[in-house]
């Protein structure tokens, strides 16, 4: 199952995409507009997905928004008779 999480916010500059999963990284524009955050959210998400052997992809365009994609495996539990 492919999951997409998207927003229509300020977007992320291409030069910062490789940094957004780094612990404590905050986009410079969010610091200036008064938005609070620890810079841990995406780090935690990536770590949880990696524990499940799932990767995350990012597409972003400045002043348009950002989309995150990941593919969650669907497991079927079969009962033994």
Protein backbone atom coordinates (compact mmCIF):
# COMPACT_ATOMS: atom_id res chain seq x y z
CA UNK A 1 0.00 0.00 0.00
CA UNK A 2 1.54 3.32 -1.06
CA UNK A 3 1.00 6.11 1.46
CA UNK A 4 1.28 9.76 0.46
CA UNK A 5 1.43 12.61 2.96
CA UNK A 6 1.33 16.03 1.30
CA UNK A 7 0.96 19.69 2.11
CA UNK A 8 0.56 22.91 0.17
CA UNK A 9 3.04 24.86 2.26
CA UNK A 10 6.23 26.72 1.45
CA UNK A 11 7.99 23.66 0.07
CA UNK A 12 11.60 22.65 0.66
CA UNK A 13 14.49 23.96 -1.43
CA UNK A 14 16.16 21.16 -3.41
CA UNK A 15 19.49 21.85 -1.68
CA UNK A 16 17.85 21.03 1.68
CA UNK A 17 16.06 17.80 0.71
CA UNK A 18 19.08 15.69 1.67
CA UNK A 19 19.14 17.33 5.13
CA UNK A 20 15.52 17.11 6.23
CA UNK A 21 15.89 13.71 7.89
CA UNK A 22 18.92 14.85 9.92
CA UNK A 23 18.30 15.17 13.64
CA UNK A 24 17.48 18.76 14.70
CA UNK A 25 17.45 20.11 11.14
CA UNK A 26 14.97 22.93 10.63
CA UNK A 27 14.21 24.69 7.38
CA UNK A 28 15.49 28.26 7.64
CA UNK A 29 12.14 29.83 6.59
CA UNK A 30 10.23 28.12 9.40
CA UNK A 31 12.60 29.70 11.93
CA UNK A 32 11.81 33.16 10.58
CA UNK A 33 8.02 32.84 10.51
CA UNK A 34 7.62 31.88 14.16
CA UNK A 35 6.82 28.19 13.68
CA UNK A 36 8.08 26.02 16.50
CA UNK A 37 9.52 22.56 16.17
CA UNK A 38 12.33 20.41 17.47
CA UNK A 39 13.63 19.15 14.14
CA UNK A 40 13.03 15.57 15.28
CA UNK A 41 9.78 14.62 13.55
CA UNK A 42 11.10 13.46 10.19
CA UNK A 43 14.08 11.77 11.86
CA UNK A 44 11.70 9.72 14.00
CA UNK A 45 9.47 8.87 11.01
CA UNK A 46 12.45 7.71 8.94
CA UNK A 47 13.80 5.58 11.81
CA UNK A 48 10.43 3.88 12.34
CA UNK A 49 10.08 3.16 8.62
CA UNK A 50 13.63 1.79 8.43
CA UNK A 51 12.85 -0.60 11.30
CA UNK A 52 10.11 -1.99 9.04
CA UNK A 53 12.49 -2.05 6.05
CA UNK A 54 10.53 0.70 4.30
CA UNK A 55 12.10 3.67 2.55
CA UNK A 56 10.62 7.15 2.24
CA UNK A 57 10.71 9.40 -0.83
CA UNK A 58 10.26 13.16 -0.97
CA UNK A 59 9.10 15.49 -3.71
CA UNK A 60 8.97 19.19 -3.06
CA UNK A 61 8.53 22.40 -4.99
CA UNK A 62 9.06 25.76 -3.35
CA UNK A 63 5.86 27.78 -2.81
CA UNK A 64 3.80 24.75 -3.93
CA UNK A 65 4.29 22.10 -1.25
CA UNK A 66 5.91 18.83 -0.29
CA UNK A 67 4.87 15.19 -0.65
CA UNK A 68 6.29 12.19 1.20
CA UNK A 69 5.74 8.67 -0.13
CA UNK A 70 6.33 5.28 1.44
CA UNK A 71 5.18 1.79 0.60
CA UNK A 72 3.78 -0.21 3.51
CA UNK A 73 3.75 -3.95 2.96
CA UNK A 74 0.43 -5.65 3.56
CA UNK A 75 0.73 -8.96 5.35
CA UNK A 76 -1.96 -11.59 5.32
CA UNK A 77 -2.03 -13.67 8.45
CA UNK A 78 -2.97 -17.25 7.65
CA UNK A 79 -4.32 -19.38 10.42
CA UNK A 80 -3.00 -22.90 10.69
CA UNK A 81 -5.65 -25.57 11.01
